[in-house]
Amino acid sequence: MNHFTWNMDPVIFAVGPVQIRWYGVCFVLAFILGYHFMRWVYVREKKQTRNLERLLIFLMAGTLIGARLGHCLFYDPAYYLTNPWKIAAVWEGGLASHGGGIGVLISLYLYTLKTRESCLWLLDRIAIPACLAGVFIRAGNFFNSEIVGLPASVPWAVVFKRIDSMPRHPAQLYEAFAYLAVWVILVMVYTQKNAAARNGLIFGLFLVLAFLSRILIEFVKTPQAAYGLGFFLNTGQILRIPFLLAGGVFLIKAFRTFR
């Protein structure tokens, strides 16, 4: 069977030591689209938009710091704790989505302390562009030929020439399509009459759908952690279970409030 071969250069162009990468472009586009979506939300709900730039800065800082620390401490703590200066070497790769999620939660909490906005209201709205950001970030991973799947013989398997000559599950694209589907569902829920008023509904739905799909896709991904826990589930799956459970709690509370 002839499988699709992927050998895209992750660097778009370089000027001396400065490189512009597809991943970086995708990352920036994710935040730009998220900013414009939140502006649309604020205008739609007749809220002041003066703090949106500050919100963007908080979210970018929380995402990057949390995702980097999550990768270093969750997936290869032995290496990074013995080489702590490598934690700041973001250009070498390594960002963990659940670490980024924790960073976003912390940054939002700090943001609401300054602006006195409702944290849960923000979480419900930010969950929607977060899904779209996931689509772009996983597309960036595909350009980088990273976070690949296990060897496979399915017709849509991809040969990542920068890794080896084996057809593999395009796990990055699986996750991108999953995030896109969740994004469509959340937009539909948000635009339903009175649905957005159920505090925690959209955020809970996001946690359940996004992290359940991530847990399932992990079964066809190559392990990212430098260690194993000896369980049926791998490290990435175990780290996502608390998010999944938290989503269930938010959903239960949202529906109980409106019984």
Protein backbone atom coordinates (compact mmCIF):
# COMPACT_ATOMS: atom_id res chain seq x y z
CA MET A 1 0.00 0.00 0.00
CA ASN A 2 1.31 3.45 -0.94
CA HIS A 3 0.95 5.81 1.98
CA PHE A 4 1.10 9.58 2.00
CA THR A 5 4.65 10.80 2.69
CA TRP A 6 5.17 13.96 4.73
CA ASN A 7 8.53 15.71 4.57
CA MET A 8 7.71 19.40 4.99
CA ASP A 9 10.50 21.64 6.24
CA PRO A 10 9.27 23.07 9.58
CA VAL A 11 11.16 26.31 8.82
CA ILE A 12 9.39 28.70 6.43
CA PHE A 13 12.45 30.90 6.02
CA ALA A 14 15.49 31.95 7.99
CA VAL A 15 17.48 35.18 8.20
CA GLY A 16 20.77 34.40 9.90
CA PRO A 17 20.04 32.73 13.24
CA VAL A 18 16.39 33.88 13.18
CA GLN A 19 13.95 31.25 11.93
CA ILE A 20 10.27 31.62 11.12
CA ARG A 21 8.59 28.26 11.67
CA TRP A 22 5.19 26.94 10.69
CA TYR A 23 4.56 26.04 14.34
CA GLY A 24 5.20 29.60 15.46
CA VAL A 25 2.90 30.99 12.77
CA CYS A 26 0.15 28.57 13.83
CA PHE A 27 0.66 29.51 17.48
CA VAL A 28 0.38 33.24 16.75
CA LEU A 29 -2.69 32.73 14.55
CA ALA A 30 -4.36 30.83 17.38
CA PHE A 31 -4.00 33.81 19.72
CA ILE A 32 -5.04 36.34 17.07
CA LEU A 33 -8.23 34.43 16.27
CA GLY A 34 -8.90 33.91 19.98
CA TYR A 35 -8.54 37.65 20.62
CA HIS A 36 -10.99 38.53 17.85
CA PHE A 37 -13.45 35.90 19.02
CA MET A 38 -13.38 37.30 22.56
CA ARG A 39 -13.88 40.82 21.19
CA TRP A 40 -16.96 39.54 19.35
CA VAL A 41 -18.20 37.94 22.60
CA TYR A 42 -17.70 41.16 24.59
CA VAL A 43 -19.53 43.24 21.97
CA ARG A 44 -22.31 40.64 21.67
CA GLU A 45 -22.85 40.63 25.42
CA LYS A 46 -22.46 44.42 25.69
CA LYS A 47 -19.32 44.34 27.84
CA GLN A 48 -16.45 46.80 27.86
CA THR A 49 -13.52 45.70 25.65
CA ARG A 50 -10.87 47.89 27.28
CA ASN A 51 -9.26 45.00 29.17
CA LEU A 52 -9.00 42.58 26.24
CA GLU A 53 -5.35 43.40 25.48
CA ARG A 54 -4.45 42.72 29.11
CA LEU A 55 -6.41 39.46 28.97
CA LEU A 56 -4.46 38.41 25.86
CA ILE A 57 -1.12 39.07 27.58
CA PHE A 58 -2.15 37.09 30.66
CA LEU A 59 -3.34 34.16 28.54
CA MET A 60 -0.22 34.08 26.37
CA ALA A 61 2.06 34.16 29.41
CA GLY A 62 0.01 31.51 31.24
CA THR A 63 -0.12 29.23 28.20
CA LEU A 64 3.58 29.39 27.37
CA ILE A 65 4.90 29.16 30.93
CA GLY A 66 2.43 26.46 31.94
CA ALA A 67 2.92 24.39 28.79
CA ARG A 68 6.71 24.51 29.09
CA LEU A 69 6.78 23.68 32.79
CA GLY A 70 4.21 20.95 32.21
CA HIS A 71 6.40 19.31 29.57
CA CYS A 72 9.55 19.56 31.71
CA LEU A 73 8.06 18.41 35.00
CA PHE A 74 5.46 15.90 33.80
CA TYR A 75 7.27 14.17 30.94
CA ASP A 76 10.98 14.24 31.73
CA PRO A 77 11.52 15.59 35.27
CA ALA A 78 14.81 13.74 35.83
CA TYR A 79 16.48 15.47 32.87
CA TYR A 80 15.17 18.98 33.52
CA LEU A 81 15.72 18.93 37.28
CA THR A 82 19.35 18.00 36.71
CA ASN A 83 19.64 20.53 33.86
CA PRO A 84 17.36 23.36 35.04
CA TRP A 85 18.76 25.88 32.54
CA LYS A 86 17.20 23.75 29.80
CA ILE A 87 13.71 24.58 31.08
CA ALA A 88 13.94 27.98 29.39
CA ALA A 89 15.08 26.45 26.06
CA VAL A 90 11.63 26.61 24.46
CA TRP A 91 13.20 26.69 20.98
CA GLU A 92 14.31 23.09 21.49
CA GLY A 93 10.64 22.03 21.58
CA GLY A 94 8.43 20.63 24.28
CA LEU A 95 5.05 22.07 25.31
CA ALA A 96 2.41 20.10 27.22
CA SER A 97 -1.24 21.00 26.63
CA HIS A 98 -2.41 20.10 30.14
CA GLY A 99 0.43 22.20 31.57
CA GLY A 100 -0.80 25.02 29.35
CA GLY A 101 -4.31 24.44 30.68
CA ILE A 102 -3.13 24.81 34.26
CA GLY A 103 -1.21 27.94 33.27
CA VAL A 104 -4.34 29.42 31.68
CA LEU A 105 -6.38 28.76 34.83
CA ILE A 106 -3.77 30.47 37.02
CA SER A 107 -3.39 33.42 34.65
CA LEU A 108 -7.17 33.87 34.46
CA TYR A 109 -7.41 33.86 38.24
CA LEU A 110 -4.72 36.55 38.46
CA TYR A 111 -6.44 38.52 35.70
CA THR A 112 -9.81 38.47 37.47
CA LEU A 113 -8.18 39.64 40.71
CA LYS A 114 -7.15 42.81 38.88
CA THR A 115 -10.30 43.35 36.79
CA ARG A 116 -12.93 41.81 39.13
CA GLU A 117 -14.54 40.00 36.21
CA SER A 118 -16.23 36.64 36.77
CA CYS A 119 -13.67 33.86 36.36
CA LEU A 120 -16.33 31.27 35.49
CA TRP A 121 -17.91 33.60 32.93
CA LEU A 122 -14.50 33.97 31.28
CA LEU A 123 -13.79 30.23 31.38
CA ASP A 124 -17.05 29.50 29.57
CA ARG A 125 -16.18 31.94 26.79
CA ILE A 126 -12.44 31.27 26.51
CA ALA A 127 -13.07 27.53 26.21
CA ILE A 128 -14.47 28.14 22.73
CA PRO A 129 -11.42 29.80 21.10
CA ALA A 130 -9.20 27.41 23.10
CA CYS A 131 -10.57 24.58 20.94
CA LEU A 132 -9.78 26.52 17.79
CA ALA A 133 -6.29 27.18 19.14
CA GLY A 134 -5.89 23.44 19.59
CA VAL A 135 -6.61 22.95 15.88
CA PHE A 136 -3.82 25.35 14.87
CA ILE A 137 -1.30 24.08 17.41
CA ARG A 138 -1.77 20.47 16.34
CA ALA A 139 -1.41 21.60 12.73
CA GLY A 140 1.91 23.13 13.80
CA ASN A 141 2.90 19.80 15.34
CA PHE A 142 2.10 18.14 12.01
CA PHE A 143 4.39 20.60 10.20
CA ASN A 144 7.11 19.74 12.73
CA SER A 145 6.58 15.98 12.26
CA GLU A 146 6.23 15.62 16.04
CA ILE A 147 3.72 13.96 18.41
CA VAL A 148 3.29 11.23 15.81
CA GLY A 149 1.19 8.10 16.12
CA LEU A 150 2.12 4.46 16.38
CA PRO A 151 2.95 2.43 13.24
CA ALA A 152 -0.23 1.62 11.32
CA SER A 153 -1.46 -0.01 8.13
CA VAL A 154 -4.65 2.04 7.74
CA PRO A 155 -5.11 3.71 4.32
CA TRP A 156 -4.73 7.20 5.80
CA ALA A 157 -1.46 6.41 7.59
CA VAL A 158 1.36 8.92 7.00
CA VAL A 159 5.08 8.34 6.54
CA PHE A 160 6.94 11.07 8.45
CA LYS A 161 10.24 11.04 6.59
CA ARG A 162 11.92 13.18 9.21
CA ILE A 163 11.37 10.37 11.72
CA ASP A 164 11.52 7.09 9.80
CA SER A 165 10.00 5.27 6.83
CA MET A 166 7.16 3.60 8.74
CA PRO A 167 3.51 4.51 8.05
CA ARG A 168 2.00 5.92 11.24
CA HIS A 169 -1.26 7.22 12.60
CA PRO A 170 -1.36 11.01 11.99
CA ALA A 171 -2.20 11.56 15.66
CA GLN A 172 -1.76 15.33 15.37
CA LEU A 173 -4.50 15.47 12.73
CA TYR A 174 -6.75 13.23 14.81
CA GLU A 175 -6.48 15.72 17.64
CA ALA A 176 -6.92 18.71 15.30
CA PHE A 177 -10.16 17.28 13.90
CA ALA A 178 -11.35 16.40 17.41
CA TYR A 179 -10.76 19.97 18.59
CA LEU A 180 -12.55 21.29 15.50
CA ALA A 181 -15.58 19.12 16.25
CA VAL A 182 -15.63 20.25 19.89
CA TRP A 183 -15.35 23.87 18.75
CA VAL A 184 -18.42 23.49 16.51
CA ILE A 185 -20.39 21.95 19.40
CA LEU A 186 -19.40 24.71 21.84
CA VAL A 187 -20.30 27.47 19.37
CA MET A 188 -23.71 25.86 18.84
CA VAL A 189 -24.28 25.65 22.59
CA TYR A 190 -23.10 29.22 23.19
CA THR A 191 -25.44 30.67 20.57
CA GLN A 192 -28.47 28.79 21.94
CA LYS A 193 -30.89 30.96 23.87
CA ASN A 194 -30.11 31.03 27.62
CA ALA A 195 -27.45 28.29 27.29
CA ALA A 196 -24.58 30.73 27.87
CA ALA A 197 -26.26 31.85 31.11
CA ARG A 198 -25.65 28.43 32.67
CA ASN A 199 -22.36 29.20 34.37
CA GLY A 200 -19.88 26.37 33.89
CA LEU A 201 -21.86 24.56 31.17
CA ILE A 202 -19.61 25.42 28.24
CA PHE A 203 -16.40 25.05 30.22
CA GLY A 204 -17.52 21.69 31.61
CA LEU A 205 -18.52 20.50 28.15
CA PHE A 206 -15.14 21.59 26.81
CA LEU A 207 -13.24 19.68 29.51
CA VAL A 208 -15.24 16.49 29.02
CA LEU A 209 -15.21 16.43 25.22
CA ALA A 210 -11.66 17.70 24.65
CA PHE A 211 -9.94 15.57 27.27
CA LEU A 212 -11.99 12.45 26.57
CA SER A 213 -10.93 12.67 22.93
CA ARG A 214 -7.31 13.21 24.01
CA ILE A 215 -7.40 10.14 26.25
CA LEU A 216 -8.76 8.01 23.40
CA ILE A 217 -6.26 9.31 20.84
CA GLU A 218 -3.38 8.56 23.23
CA PHE A 219 -3.94 4.86 22.49
CA VAL A 220 -2.52 5.40 18.98
CA LYS A 221 0.21 7.94 19.89
CA THR A 222 3.84 7.27 20.62
CA PRO A 223 4.55 7.77 24.34
CA GLN A 224 5.82 11.27 25.13
CA ALA A 225 6.96 10.72 28.70
CA ALA A 226 10.51 9.58 29.34
CA TYR A 227 9.20 7.12 31.94
CA GLY A 228 6.31 4.72 32.37
CA LEU A 229 3.96 4.18 35.27
CA GLY A 230 3.27 0.51 34.63
CA PHE A 231 -0.46 1.01 34.14
CA PHE A 232 -2.85 0.25 31.29
CA LEU A 233 -3.06 4.01 30.73
CA ASN A 234 0.06 6.00 29.89
CA THR A 235 1.31 9.15 31.63
CA GLY A 236 -0.51 11.53 29.30
CA GLN A 237 -3.83 9.75 29.79
CA ILE A 238 -3.51 9.70 33.58
CA LEU A 239 -2.67 13.42 33.61
CA ARG A 240 -5.86 14.17 31.67
CA ILE A 241 -8.25 12.26 33.93
CA PRO A 242 -8.49 15.07 36.55
CA PHE A 243 -9.52 17.52 33.80
CA LEU A 244 -12.17 15.07 32.59
CA LEU A 245 -13.55 14.61 36.10
CA ALA A 246 -13.53 18.35 36.73
CA GLY A 247 -15.55 18.83 33.55
CA GLY A 248 -18.14 16.39 34.82
CA VAL A 249 -18.43 18.35 38.08
CA PHE A 250 -18.96 21.62 36.19
CA LEU A 251 -21.66 20.03 34.02
CA ILE A 252 -23.52 18.60 37.02
CA LYS A 253 -23.46 21.95 38.82
CA ALA A 254 -24.60 23.80 35.69
CA PHE A 255 -27.62 21.55 35.19
CA ARG A 256 -28.52 21.48 38.88
CA THR A 257 -28.61 25.25 38.96
CA PHE A 258 -31.20 25.35 36.17
CA ARG A 259 -33.45 22.46 37.17
